[in-house]
Amino acid sequence: MNIQIFGKSKCFDTKKAERWFKERRIKYQSVDLLRFGLSGKEFDSVLRAVGGIDNLIDWNGESDQITLLKYMDDKVAKEDKVFDDPSLMRTPIVRNGKQATVGFCPEIWATWE
């Protein structure tokens, strides 16, 4: 199992995810999403695993960019905007190979073991 947790340093769900894996003694790699972002291949892999860009966006965010994204119809333009600004993504993004989840999803992670 090769777990990567992409998150924001001040995100409570990211901290909960790290604690969940730590309690089960599952090794993981933690990546600061705001500092390092996702590579192009990682971004595409996560999009396929979570079912599209709308599941990756943090719709509860308070950014003006979120409001703009609500009215965008062009899927590719949305993907480009979110890829360029990782703060618009919901966290944590937890990857295990080609599998990925967005948000705190221990019921899915338990099946990865």
PDB file of N, CA and C in Angstrom:
ATOM      1  N   MET A   1       0.852  -1.181   0.000  1.00  0.00           N
ATOM      2  CA  MET A   1       0.000   0.000   0.000  1.00  0.00           C
ATOM      3  C   MET A   1       0.897   1.243   0.000  1.00  0.00           C
ATOM      4  N   ASN A   2       0.606   2.156  -0.911  1.00  0.00           N
ATOM      5  CA  ASN A   2       1.399   3.378  -1.054  1.00  0.00           C
ATOM      6  C   ASN A   2       0.456   4.572  -0.895  1.00  0.00           C
ATOM      7  N   ILE A   3       0.280   5.045   0.335  1.00  0.00           N
ATOM      8  CA  ILE A   3      -0.688   6.101   0.637  1.00  0.00           C
ATOM      9  C   ILE A   3      -0.021   7.468   0.556  1.00  0.00           C
ATOM     10  N   GLN A   4      -0.688   8.386  -0.142  1.00  0.00           N
ATOM     11  CA  GLN A   4      -0.281   9.788  -0.170  1.00  0.00           C
ATOM     12  C   GLN A   4      -1.459  10.611   0.317  1.00  0.00           C
ATOM     13  N   ILE A   5      -1.192  11.544   1.228  1.00  0.00           N
ATOM     14  CA  ILE A   5      -2.233  12.445   1.717  1.00  0.00           C
ATOM     15  C   ILE A   5      -1.859  13.864   1.294  1.00  0.00           C
ATOM     16  N   PHE A   6      -2.660  14.420   0.396  1.00  0.00           N
ATOM     17  CA  PHE A   6      -2.478  15.806  -0.033  1.00  0.00           C
ATOM     18  C   PHE A   6      -3.443  16.648   0.781  1.00  0.00           C
ATOM     19  N   GLY A   7      -2.919  17.619   1.535  1.00  0.00           N
ATOM     20  CA  GLY A   7      -3.797  18.417   2.372  1.00  0.00           C
ATOM     21  C   GLY A   7      -3.246  19.798   2.638  1.00  0.00           C
ATOM     22  N   LYS A   8      -4.053  20.546   3.350  1.00  0.00           N
ATOM     23  CA  LYS A   8      -3.673  21.897   3.763  1.00  0.00           C
ATOM     24  C   LYS A   8      -3.289  21.836   5.232  1.00  0.00           C
ATOM     25  N   SER A   9      -2.301  22.613   5.627  1.00  0.00           N
ATOM     26  CA  SER A   9      -1.773  22.529   6.992  1.00  0.00           C
ATOM     27  C   SER A   9      -2.804  22.904   8.057  1.00  0.00           C
ATOM     28  N   LYS A  10      -3.763  23.749   7.723  1.00  0.00           N
ATOM     29  CA  LYS A  10      -4.753  24.172   8.718  1.00  0.00           C
ATOM     30  C   LYS A  10      -6.103  23.475   8.547  1.00  0.00           C
ATOM     31  N   CYS A  11      -6.124  22.360   7.814  1.00  0.00           N
ATOM     32  CA  CYS A  11      -7.370  21.634   7.544  1.00  0.00           C
ATOM     33  C   CYS A  11      -7.558  20.534   8.593  1.00  0.00           C
ATOM     34  N   PHE A  12      -8.672  20.578   9.318  1.00  0.00           N
ATOM     35  CA  PHE A  12      -8.935  19.594  10.364  1.00  0.00           C
ATOM     36  C   PHE A  12      -9.145  18.202   9.788  1.00  0.00           C
ATOM     37  N   ASP A  13      -9.795  18.090   8.631  1.00  0.00           N
ATOM     38  CA  ASP A  13     -10.009  16.777   8.022  1.00  0.00           C
ATOM     39  C   ASP A  13      -8.693  16.140   7.589  1.00  0.00           C
ATOM     40  N   THR A  14      -7.738  16.953   7.155  1.00  0.00           N
ATOM     41  CA  THR A  14      -6.419  16.429   6.800  1.00  0.00           C
ATOM     42  C   THR A  14      -5.744  15.859   8.042  1.00  0.00           C
ATOM     43  N   LYS A  15      -5.820  16.571   9.147  1.00  0.00           N
ATOM     44  CA  LYS A  15      -5.223  16.087  10.399  1.00  0.00           C
ATOM     45  C   LYS A  15      -5.902  14.811  10.874  1.00  0.00           C
ATOM     46  N   LYS A  16      -7.239  14.742  10.709  1.00  0.00           N
ATOM     47  CA  LYS A  16      -7.972  13.535  11.090  1.00  0.00           C
ATOM     48  C   LYS A  16      -7.546  12.347  10.227  1.00  0.00           C
ATOM     49  N   ALA A  17      -7.344  12.578   8.935  1.00  0.00           N
ATOM     50  CA  ALA A  17      -6.913  11.508   8.026  1.00  0.00           C
ATOM     51  C   ALA A  17      -5.530  10.997   8.420  1.00  0.00           C
ATOM     52  N   GLU A  18      -4.608  11.915   8.699  1.00  0.00           N
ATOM     53  CA  GLU A  18      -3.268  11.505   9.112  1.00  0.00           C
ATOM     54  C   GLU A  18      -3.323  10.699  10.408  1.00  0.00           C
ATOM     55  N   ARG A  19      -4.158  11.141  11.349  1.00  0.00           N
ATOM     56  CA  ARG A  19      -4.316  10.418  12.609  1.00  0.00           C
ATOM     57  C   ARG A  19      -4.896   9.024  12.363  1.00  0.00           C
ATOM     58  N   TRP A  20      -5.867   8.914  11.445  1.00  0.00           N
ATOM     59  CA  TRP A  20      -6.511   7.632  11.151  1.00  0.00           C
ATOM     60  C   TRP A  20      -5.475   6.615  10.657  1.00  0.00           C
ATOM     61  N   PHE A  21      -4.608   7.035   9.738  1.00  0.00           N
ATOM     62  CA  PHE A  21      -3.586   6.129   9.222  1.00  0.00           C
ATOM     63  C   PHE A  21      -2.514   5.841  10.274  1.00  0.00           C
ATOM     64  N   LYS A  22      -2.176   6.852  11.055  1.00  0.00           N
ATOM     65  CA  LYS A  22      -1.158   6.677  12.094  1.00  0.00           C
ATOM     66  C   LYS A  22      -1.622   5.675  13.149  1.00  0.00           C
ATOM     67  N   GLU A  23      -2.891   5.756  13.562  1.00  0.00           N
ATOM     68  CA  GLU A  23      -3.431   4.842  14.569  1.00  0.00           C
ATOM     69  C   GLU A  23      -3.406   3.393  14.096  1.00  0.00           C
ATOM     70  N   ARG A  24      -3.496   3.176  12.794  1.00  0.00           N
ATOM     71  CA  ARG A  24      -3.497   1.834  12.233  1.00  0.00           C
ATOM     72  C   ARG A  24      -2.109   1.403  11.766  1.00  0.00           C
ATOM     73  N   ARG A  25      -1.126   2.220  12.090  1.00  0.00           N
ATOM     74  CA  ARG A  25       0.272   1.977  11.733  1.00  0.00           C
ATOM     75  C   ARG A  25       0.456   1.741  10.239  1.00  0.00           C
ATOM     76  N   ILE A  26      -0.259   2.533   9.445  1.00  0.00           N
ATOM     77  CA  ILE A  26      -0.129   2.482   7.994  1.00  0.00           C
ATOM     78  C   ILE A  26       0.744   3.658   7.580  1.00  0.00           C
ATOM     79  N   LYS A  27       1.842   3.347   6.902  1.00  0.00           N
ATOM     80  CA  LYS A  27       2.747   4.415   6.469  1.00  0.00           C
ATOM     81  C   LYS A  27       2.095   5.233   5.366  1.00  0.00           C
ATOM     82  N   TYR A  28       2.335   6.519   5.403  1.00  0.00           N
ATOM     83  CA  TYR A  28       1.802   7.416   4.389  1.00  0.00           C
ATOM     84  C   TYR A  28       2.788   8.547   4.138  1.00  0.00           C
ATOM     85  N   GLN A  29       2.625   9.170   2.988  1.00  0.00           N
ATOM     86  CA  GLN A  29       3.432  10.343   2.641  1.00  0.00           C
ATOM     87  C   GLN A  29       2.505  11.545   2.688  1.00  0.00           C
ATOM     88  N   SER A  30       2.865  12.540   3.453  1.00  0.00           N
ATOM     89  CA  SER A  30       2.056  13.748   3.573  1.00  0.00           C
ATOM     90  C   SER A  30       2.627  14.833   2.659  1.00  0.00           C
ATOM     91  N   VAL A  31       1.743  15.451   1.856  1.00  0.00           N
ATOM     92  CA  VAL A  31       2.169  16.482   0.910  1.00  0.00           C
ATOM     93  C   VAL A  31       1.333  17.734   1.152  1.00  0.00           C
ATOM     94  N   ASP A  32       2.000  18.869   1.331  1.00  0.00           N
ATOM     95  CA  ASP A  32       1.301  20.147   1.508  1.00  0.00           C
ATOM     96  C   ASP A  32       0.779  20.594   0.146  1.00  0.00           C
ATOM     97  N   LEU A  33      -0.534  20.543  -0.012  1.00  0.00           N
ATOM     98  CA  LEU A  33      -1.168  20.834  -1.297  1.00  0.00           C
ATOM     99  C   LEU A  33      -0.938  22.274  -1.734  1.00  0.00           C
ATOM    100  N   LEU A  34      -0.981  23.206  -0.808  1.00  0.00           N
ATOM    101  CA  LEU A  34      -0.824  24.616  -1.162  1.00  0.00           C
ATOM    102  C   LEU A  34       0.605  24.934  -1.585  1.00  0.00           C
ATOM    103  N   ARG A  35       1.559  24.223  -1.012  1.00  0.00           N
ATOM    104  CA  ARG A  35       2.962  24.498  -1.310  1.00  0.00           C
ATOM    105  C   ARG A  35       3.440  23.770  -2.571  1.00  0.00           C
ATOM    106  N   PHE A  36       3.058  22.490  -2.695  1.00  0.00           N
ATOM    107  CA  PHE A  36       3.573  21.675  -3.789  1.00  0.00           C
ATOM    108  C   PHE A  36       2.541  21.351  -4.866  1.00  0.00           C
ATOM    109  N   GLY A  37       1.266  21.377  -4.533  1.00  0.00           N
ATOM    110  CA  GLY A  37       0.223  21.078  -5.504  1.00  0.00           C
ATOM    111  C   GLY A  37       0.263  19.630  -5.963  1.00  0.00           C
ATOM    112  N   LEU A  38      -0.429  19.356  -7.045  1.00  0.00           N
ATOM    113  CA  LEU A  38      -0.446  18.029  -7.662  1.00  0.00           C
ATOM    114  C   LEU A  38       0.236  18.127  -9.022  1.00  0.00           C
ATOM    115  N   SER A  39       0.940  17.078  -9.418  1.00  0.00           N
ATOM    116  CA  SER A  39       1.495  17.066 -10.774  1.00  0.00           C
ATOM    117  C   SER A  39       0.337  16.834 -11.746  1.00  0.00           C
ATOM    118  N   GLY A  40       0.580  17.032 -13.014  1.00  0.00           N
ATOM    119  CA  GLY A  40      -0.457  16.847 -14.020  1.00  0.00           C
ATOM    120  C   GLY A  40      -1.030  15.440 -14.026  1.00  0.00           C
ATOM    121  N   LYS A  41      -0.150  14.435 -13.946  1.00  0.00           N
ATOM    122  CA  LYS A  41      -0.603  13.040 -13.944  1.00  0.00           C
ATOM    123  C   LYS A  41      -1.375  12.714 -12.674  1.00  0.00           C
ATOM    124  N   GLU A  42      -0.900  13.213 -11.536  1.00  0.00           N
ATOM    125  CA  GLU A  42      -1.617  12.979 -10.273  1.00  0.00           C
ATOM    126  C   GLU A  42      -3.004  13.604 -10.330  1.00  0.00           C
ATOM    127  N   PHE A  43      -3.088  14.815 -10.845  1.00  0.00           N
ATOM    128  CA  PHE A  43      -4.367  15.519 -10.955  1.00  0.00           C
ATOM    129  C   PHE A  43      -5.341  14.732 -11.829  1.00  0.00           C
ATOM    130  N   ASP A  44      -4.879  14.259 -12.989  1.00  0.00           N
ATOM    131  CA  ASP A  44      -5.730  13.474 -13.881  1.00  0.00           C
ATOM    132  C   ASP A  44      -6.174  12.171 -13.226  1.00  0.00           C
ATOM    133  N   SER A  45      -5.259  11.519 -12.513  1.00  0.00           N
ATOM    134  CA  SER A  45      -5.579  10.268 -11.830  1.00  0.00           C
ATOM    135  C   SER A  45      -6.639  10.482 -10.753  1.00  0.00           C
ATOM    136  N   VAL A  46      -6.498  11.560  -9.992  1.00  0.00           N
ATOM    137  CA  VAL A  46      -7.469  11.875  -8.939  1.00  0.00           C
ATOM    138  C   VAL A  46      -8.828  12.205  -9.558  1.00  0.00           C
ATOM    139  N   LEU A  47      -8.834  12.976 -10.640  1.00  0.00           N
ATOM    140  CA  LEU A  47     -10.096  13.310 -11.304  1.00  0.00           C
ATOM    141  C   LEU A  47     -10.837  12.062 -11.751  1.00  0.00           C
ATOM    142  N   ARG A  48     -10.119  11.106 -12.351  1.00  0.00           N
ATOM    143  CA  ARG A  48     -10.751   9.857 -12.788  1.00  0.00           C
ATOM    144  C   ARG A  48     -11.273   9.060 -11.596  1.00  0.00           C
ATOM    145  N   ALA A  49     -10.499   9.026 -10.516  1.00  0.00           N
ATOM    146  CA  ALA A  49     -10.874   8.211  -9.356  1.00  0.00           C
ATOM    147  C   ALA A  49     -12.078   8.782  -8.600  1.00  0.00           C
ATOM    148  N   VAL A  50     -12.199  10.101  -8.536  1.00  0.00           N
ATOM    149  CA  VAL A  50     -13.290  10.699  -7.746  1.00  0.00           C
ATOM    150  C   VAL A  50     -14.512  11.038  -8.594  1.00  0.00           C
ATOM    151  N   GLY A  51     -14.426  10.859  -9.904  1.00  0.00           N
ATOM    152  CA  GLY A  51     -15.603  11.052 -10.738  1.00  0.00           C
ATOM    153  C   GLY A  51     -15.790  12.448 -11.303  1.00  0.00           C
ATOM    154  N   GLY A  52     -14.720  13.186 -11.490  1.00  0.00           N
ATOM    155  CA  GLY A  52     -14.833  14.486 -12.147  1.00  0.00           C
ATOM    156  C   GLY A  52     -14.485  15.668 -11.278  1.00  0.00           C
ATOM    157  N   ILE A  53     -14.386  16.805 -11.930  1.00  0.00           N
ATOM    158  CA  ILE A  53     -13.920  18.037 -11.287  1.00  0.00           C
ATOM    159  C   ILE A  53     -14.884  18.539 -10.218  1.00  0.00           C
ATOM    160  N   ASP A  54     -16.187  18.337 -10.418  1.00  0.00           N
ATOM    161  CA  ASP A  54     -17.160  18.854  -9.448  1.00  0.00           C
ATOM    162  C   ASP A  54     -17.029  18.183  -8.084  1.00  0.00           C
ATOM    163  N   ASN A  55     -16.518  16.956  -8.042  1.00  0.00           N
ATOM    164  CA  ASN A  55     -16.312  16.268  -6.764  1.00  0.00           C
ATOM    165  C   ASN A  55     -15.013  16.688  -6.085  1.00  0.00           C
ATOM    166  N   LEU A  56     -14.151  17.357  -6.810  1.00  0.00           N
ATOM    167  CA  LEU A  56     -12.856  17.775  -6.261  1.00  0.00           C
ATOM    168  C   LEU A  56     -12.884  19.200  -5.710  1.00  0.00           C
ATOM    169  N   ILE A  57     -13.831  19.995  -6.161  1.00  0.00           N
ATOM    170  CA  ILE A  57     -13.894  21.402  -5.753  1.00  0.00           C
ATOM    171  C   ILE A  57     -14.503  21.533  -4.357  1.00  0.00           C
ATOM    172  N   ASP A  58     -13.930  22.419  -3.552  1.00  0.00           N
ATOM    173  CA  ASP A  58     -14.449  22.718  -2.210  1.00  0.00           C
ATOM    174  C   ASP A  58     -15.548  23.770  -2.345  1.00  0.00           C
ATOM    175  N   TRP A  59     -16.778  23.320  -2.559  1.00  0.00           N
ATOM    176  CA  TRP A  59     -17.891  24.237  -2.803  1.00  0.00           C
ATOM    177  C   TRP A  59     -18.237  25.073  -1.585  1.00  0.00           C
ATOM    178  N   ASN A  60     -17.779  24.686  -0.399  1.00  0.00           N
ATOM    179  CA  ASN A  60     -18.051  25.453   0.821  1.00  0.00           C
ATOM    180  C   ASN A  60     -16.992  26.516   1.084  1.00  0.00           C
ATOM    181  N   GLY A  61     -16.004  26.612   0.208  1.00  0.00           N
ATOM    182  CA  GLY A  61     -14.943  27.603   0.383  1.00  0.00           C
ATOM    183  C   GLY A  61     -15.481  29.021   0.261  1.00  0.00           C
ATOM    184  N   GLU A  62     -14.752  29.950   0.829  1.00  0.00           N
ATOM    185  CA  GLU A  62     -15.213  31.334   0.858  1.00  0.00           C
ATOM    186  C   GLU A  62     -14.517  32.209  -0.184  1.00  0.00           C
ATOM    187  N   SER A  63     -13.874  31.589  -1.145  1.00  0.00           N
ATOM    188  CA  SER A  63     -13.159  32.341  -2.169  1.00  0.00           C
ATOM    189  C   SER A  63     -14.119  32.847  -3.239  1.00  0.00           C
ATOM    190  N   ASP A  64     -13.790  33.998  -3.812  1.00  0.00           N
ATOM    191  CA  ASP A  64     -14.570  34.509  -4.943  1.00  0.00           C
ATOM    192  C   ASP A  64     -14.454  33.573  -6.142  1.00  0.00           C
ATOM    193  N   GLN A  65     -13.341  32.852  -6.211  1.00  0.00           N
ATOM    194  CA  GLN A  65     -13.128  31.915  -7.315  1.00  0.00           C
ATOM    195  C   GLN A  65     -14.153  30.777  -7.285  1.00  0.00           C
ATOM    196  N   ILE A  66     -14.563  30.357  -6.088  1.00  0.00           N
ATOM    197  CA  ILE A  66     -15.572  29.298  -5.950  1.00  0.00           C
ATOM    198  C   ILE A  66     -16.885  29.769  -6.563  1.00  0.00           C
ATOM    199  N   THR A  67     -17.258  31.009  -6.290  1.00  0.00           N
ATOM    200  CA  THR A  67     -18.488  31.568  -6.855  1.00  0.00           C
ATOM    201  C   THR A  67     -18.401  31.583  -8.376  1.00  0.00           C
ATOM    202  N   LEU A  68     -17.253  31.947  -8.902  1.00  0.00           N
ATOM    203  CA  LEU A  68     -17.053  31.955 -10.349  1.00  0.00           C
ATOM    204  C   LEU A  68     -17.187  30.549 -10.928  1.00  0.00           C
ATOM    205  N   LEU A  69     -16.611  29.555 -10.233  1.00  0.00           N
ATOM    206  CA  LEU A  69     -16.662  28.178 -10.727  1.00  0.00           C
ATOM    207  C   LEU A  69     -18.090  27.642 -10.792  1.00  0.00           C
ATOM    208  N   LYS A  70     -18.967  28.126  -9.910  1.00  0.00           N
ATOM    209  CA  LYS A  70     -20.361  27.663  -9.909  1.00  0.00           C
ATOM    210  C   LYS A  70     -21.067  27.999 -11.217  1.00  0.00           C
ATOM    211  N   TYR A  71     -20.633  29.050 -11.878  1.00  0.00           N
ATOM    212  CA  TYR A  71     -21.291  29.509 -13.097  1.00  0.00           C
ATOM    213  C   TYR A  71     -20.538  29.126 -14.366  1.00  0.00           C
ATOM    214  N   MET A  72     -19.431  28.405 -14.232  1.00  0.00           N
ATOM    215  CA  MET A  72     -18.671  27.985 -15.409  1.00  0.00           C
ATOM    216  C   MET A  72     -19.251  26.690 -15.963  1.00  0.00           C
ATOM    217  N   ASP A  73     -19.492  26.654 -17.266  1.00  0.00           N
ATOM    218  CA  ASP A  73     -20.004  25.444 -17.901  1.00  0.00           C
ATOM    219  C   ASP A  73     -18.889  24.606 -18.520  1.00  0.00           C
ATOM    220  N   ASP A  74     -17.795  25.249 -18.876  1.00  0.00           N
ATOM    221  CA  ASP A  74     -16.698  24.560 -19.552  1.00  0.00           C
ATOM    222  C   ASP A  74     -15.896  23.722 -18.558  1.00  0.00           C
ATOM    223  N   LYS A  75     -16.000  22.398 -18.686  1.00  0.00           N
ATOM    224  CA  LYS A  75     -15.344  21.483 -17.758  1.00  0.00           C
ATOM    225  C   LYS A  75     -13.822  21.633 -17.794  1.00  0.00           C
ATOM    226  N   VAL A  76     -13.270  21.786 -18.984  1.00  0.00           N
ATOM    227  CA  VAL A  76     -11.815  21.908 -19.124  1.00  0.00           C
ATOM    228  C   VAL A  76     -11.318  23.201 -18.477  1.00  0.00           C
ATOM    229  N   ALA A  77     -12.063  24.281 -18.630  1.00  0.00           N
ATOM    230  CA  ALA A  77     -11.676  25.552 -18.007  1.00  0.00           C
ATOM    231  C   ALA A  77     -11.720  25.432 -16.485  1.00  0.00           C
ATOM    232  N   LYS A  78     -12.728  24.721 -15.958  1.00  0.00           N
ATOM    233  CA  LYS A  78     -12.809  24.483 -14.509  1.00  0.00           C
ATOM    234  C   LYS A  78     -11.597  23.704 -14.028  1.00  0.00           C
ATOM    235  N   GLU A  79     -11.255  22.637 -14.773  1.00  0.00           N
ATOM    236  CA  GLU A  79     -10.106  21.807 -14.393  1.00  0.00           C
ATOM    237  C   GLU A  79      -8.822  22.632 -14.385  1.00  0.00           C
ATOM    238  N   ASP A  80      -8.638  23.474 -15.404  1.00  0.00           N
ATOM    239  CA  ASP A  80      -7.441  24.321 -15.477  1.00  0.00           C
ATOM    240  C   ASP A  80      -7.372  25.285 -14.304  1.00  0.00           C
ATOM    241  N   LYS A  81      -8.505  25.886 -13.961  1.00  0.00           N
ATOM    242  CA  LYS A  81      -8.558  26.855 -12.861  1.00  0.00           C
ATOM    243  C   LYS A  81      -8.195  26.183 -11.531  1.00  0.00           C
ATOM    244  N   VAL A  82      -8.765  25.000 -11.288  1.00  0.00           N
ATOM    245  CA  VAL A  82      -8.512  24.282 -10.030  1.00  0.00           C
ATOM    246  C   VAL A  82      -7.080  23.766  -9.989  1.00  0.00           C
ATOM    247  N   PHE A  83      -6.566  23.287 -11.124  1.00  0.00           N
ATOM    248  CA  PHE A  83      -5.184  22.815 -11.175  1.00  0.00           C
ATOM    249  C   PHE A  83      -4.211  23.945 -10.862  1.00  0.00           C
ATOM    250  N   ASP A  84      -4.487  25.144 -11.377  1.00  0.00           N
ATOM    251  CA  ASP A  84      -3.616  26.301 -11.140  1.00  0.00           C
ATOM    252  C   ASP A  84      -3.725  26.862  -9.731  1.00  0.00           C
ATOM    253  N   ASP A  85      -4.867  26.631  -9.062  1.00  0.00           N
ATOM    254  CA  ASP A  85      -5.082  27.151  -7.706  1.00  0.00           C
ATOM    255  C   ASP A  85      -5.544  26.023  -6.781  1.00  0.00           C
ATOM    256  N   PRO A  86      -4.592  25.274  -6.184  1.00  0.00           N
ATOM    257  CA  PRO A  86      -4.941  24.127  -5.345  1.00  0.00           C
ATOM    258  C   PRO A  86      -5.786  24.474  -4.114  1.00  0.00           C
ATOM    259  N   SER A  87      -5.845  25.757  -3.738  1.00  0.00           N
ATOM    260  CA  SER A  87      -6.656  26.130  -2.577  1.00  0.00           C
ATOM    261  C   SER A  87      -8.146  25.925  -2.846  1.00  0.00           C
ATOM    262  N   LEU A  88      -8.528  25.728  -4.094  1.00  0.00           N
ATOM    263  CA  LEU A  88      -9.931  25.503  -4.446  1.00  0.00           C
ATOM    264  C   LEU A  88     -10.344  24.036  -4.271  1.00  0.00           C
ATOM    265  N   MET A  89      -9.370  23.164  -4.000  1.00  0.00           N
ATOM    266  CA  MET A  89      -9.654  21.736  -3.856  1.00  0.00           C
ATOM    267  C   MET A  89     -10.103  21.393  -2.440  1.00  0.00           C
ATOM    268  N   ARG A  90     -11.014  20.429  -2.357  1.00  0.00           N
ATOM    269  CA  ARG A  90     -11.441  19.912  -1.062  1.00  0.00           C
ATOM    270  C   ARG A  90     -10.355  18.971  -0.545  1.00  0.00           C
ATOM    271  N   THR A  91     -10.084  19.011   0.721  1.00  0.00           N
ATOM    272  CA  THR A  91      -9.015  18.186   1.288  1.00  0.00           C
ATOM    273  C   THR A  91      -9.551  17.344   2.434  1.00  0.00           C
ATOM    274  N   PRO A  92      -8.869  16.277   2.779  1.00  0.00           N
ATOM    275  CA  PRO A  92      -7.653  15.753   2.174  1.00  0.00           C
ATOM    276  C   PRO A  92      -7.954  14.961   0.913  1.00  0.00           C
ATOM    277  N   ILE A  93      -6.977  14.928   0.027  1.00  0.00           N
ATOM    278  CA  ILE A  93      -7.023  14.038  -1.125  1.00  0.00           C
ATOM    279  C   ILE A  93      -6.094  12.886  -0.761  1.00  0.00           C
ATOM    280  N   VAL A  94      -6.659  11.697  -0.646  1.00  0.00           N
ATOM    281  CA  VAL A  94      -5.884  10.523  -0.232  1.00  0.00           C
ATOM    282  C   VAL A  94      -5.786   9.584  -1.424  1.00  0.00           C
ATOM    283  N   ARG A  95      -4.550   9.275  -1.826  1.00  0.00           N
ATOM    284  CA  ARG A  95      -4.313   8.390  -2.975  1.00  0.00           C
ATOM    285  C   ARG A  95      -3.678   7.094  -2.524  1.00  0.00           C
ATOM    286  N   ASN A  96      -4.109   6.024  -3.175  1.00  0.00           N
ATOM    287  CA  ASN A  96      -3.497   4.710  -3.009  1.00  0.00           C
ATOM    288  C   ASN A  96      -3.404   4.115  -4.409  1.00  0.00           C
ATOM    289  N   GLY A  97      -2.290   4.352  -5.089  1.00  0.00           N
ATOM    290  CA  GLY A  97      -2.159   3.910  -6.472  1.00  0.00           C
ATOM    291  C   GLY A  97      -3.131   4.674  -7.353  1.00  0.00           C
ATOM    292  N   LYS A  98      -4.012   3.939  -8.042  1.00  0.00           N
ATOM    293  CA  LYS A  98      -4.991   4.580  -8.917  1.00  0.00           C
ATOM    294  C   LYS A  98      -6.279   4.925  -8.183  1.00  0.00           C
ATOM    295  N   GLN A  99      -6.403   4.496  -6.938  1.00  0.00           N
ATOM    296  CA  GLN A  99      -7.579   4.822  -6.139  1.00  0.00           C
ATOM    297  C   GLN A  99      -7.362   6.154  -5.439  1.00  0.00           C
ATOM    298  N   ALA A 100      -8.438   6.897  -5.234  1.00  0.00           N
ATOM    299  CA  ALA A 100      -8.321   8.178  -4.531  1.00  0.00           C
ATOM    300  C   ALA A 100      -9.659   8.543  -3.901  1.00  0.00           C
ATOM    301  N   THR A 101      -9.575   9.301  -2.817  1.00  0.00           N
ATOM    302  CA  THR A 101     -10.773   9.847  -2.178  1.00  0.00           C
ATOM    303  C   THR A 101     -10.536  11.325  -1.905  1.00  0.00           C
ATOM    304  N   VAL A 102     -11.635  12.045  -1.765  1.00  0.00           N
ATOM    305  CA  VAL A 102     -11.574  13.459  -1.405  1.00  0.00           C
ATOM    306  C   VAL A 102     -12.407  13.630  -0.152  1.00  0.00           C
ATOM    307  N   GLY A 103     -11.821  14.257   0.858  1.00  0.00           N
ATOM    308  CA  GLY A 103     -12.510  14.410   2.133  1.00  0.00           C
ATOM    309  C   GLY A 103     -12.145  13.276   3.077  1.00  0.00           C
ATOM    310  N   PHE A 104     -12.753  13.283   4.254  1.00  0.00           N
ATOM    311  CA  PHE A 104     -12.475  12.277   5.279  1.00  0.00           C
ATOM    312  C   PHE A 104     -13.367  11.064   5.020  1.00  0.00           C
ATOM    313  N   CYS A 105     -12.784   9.960   4.543  1.00  0.00           N
ATOM    314  CA  CYS A 105     -13.546   8.774   4.110  1.00  0.00           C
ATOM    315  C   CYS A 105     -12.975   7.489   4.704  1.00  0.00           C
ATOM    316  N   PRO A 106     -13.001   7.308   6.029  1.00  0.00           N
ATOM    317  CA  PRO A 106     -12.394   6.108   6.623  1.00  0.00           C
ATOM    318  C   PRO A 106     -13.060   4.809   6.186  1.00  0.00           C
ATOM    319  N   GLU A 107     -14.358   4.860   5.832  1.00  0.00           N
ATOM    320  CA  GLU A 107     -15.033   3.636   5.403  1.00  0.00           C
ATOM    321  C   GLU A 107     -14.452   3.106   4.086  1.00  0.00           C
ATOM    322  N   ILE A 108     -13.969   3.978   3.244  1.00  0.00           N
ATOM    323  CA  ILE A 108     -13.339   3.555   1.983  1.00  0.00           C
ATOM    324  C   ILE A 108     -11.886   3.137   2.242  1.00  0.00           C
ATOM    325  N   TRP A 109     -11.175   3.885   3.081  1.00  0.00           N
ATOM    326  CA  TRP A 109      -9.775   3.557   3.355  1.00  0.00           C
ATOM    327  C   TRP A 109      -9.656   2.189   4.006  1.00  0.00           C
ATOM    328  N   ALA A 110     -10.632   1.801   4.808  1.00  0.00           N
ATOM    329  CA  ALA A 110     -10.596   0.508   5.493  1.00  0.00           C
ATOM    330  C   ALA A 110     -10.605  -0.638   4.474  1.00  0.00           C
ATOM    331  N   THR A 111     -11.198  -0.427   3.312  1.00  0.00           N
ATOM    332  CA  THR A 111     -11.216  -1.472   2.285  1.00  0.00           C
ATOM    333  C   THR A 111      -9.881  -1.585   1.558  1.00  0.00           C
ATOM    334  N   TRP A 112      -9.023  -0.572   1.692  1.00  0.00           N
ATOM    335  CA  TRP A 112      -7.718  -0.596   1.040  1.00  0.00           C
ATOM    336  C   TRP A 112      -6.734  -1.493   1.758  1.00  0.00           C
ATOM    337  N   GLU A 113      -6.975  -1.787   3.020  1.00  0.00           N
ATOM    338  CA  GLU A 113      -6.010  -2.534   3.824  1.00  0.00           C
ATOM    339  C   GLU A 113      -5.830  -3.955   3.357  1.00  0.00           C
TER     340      GLU A 113
END
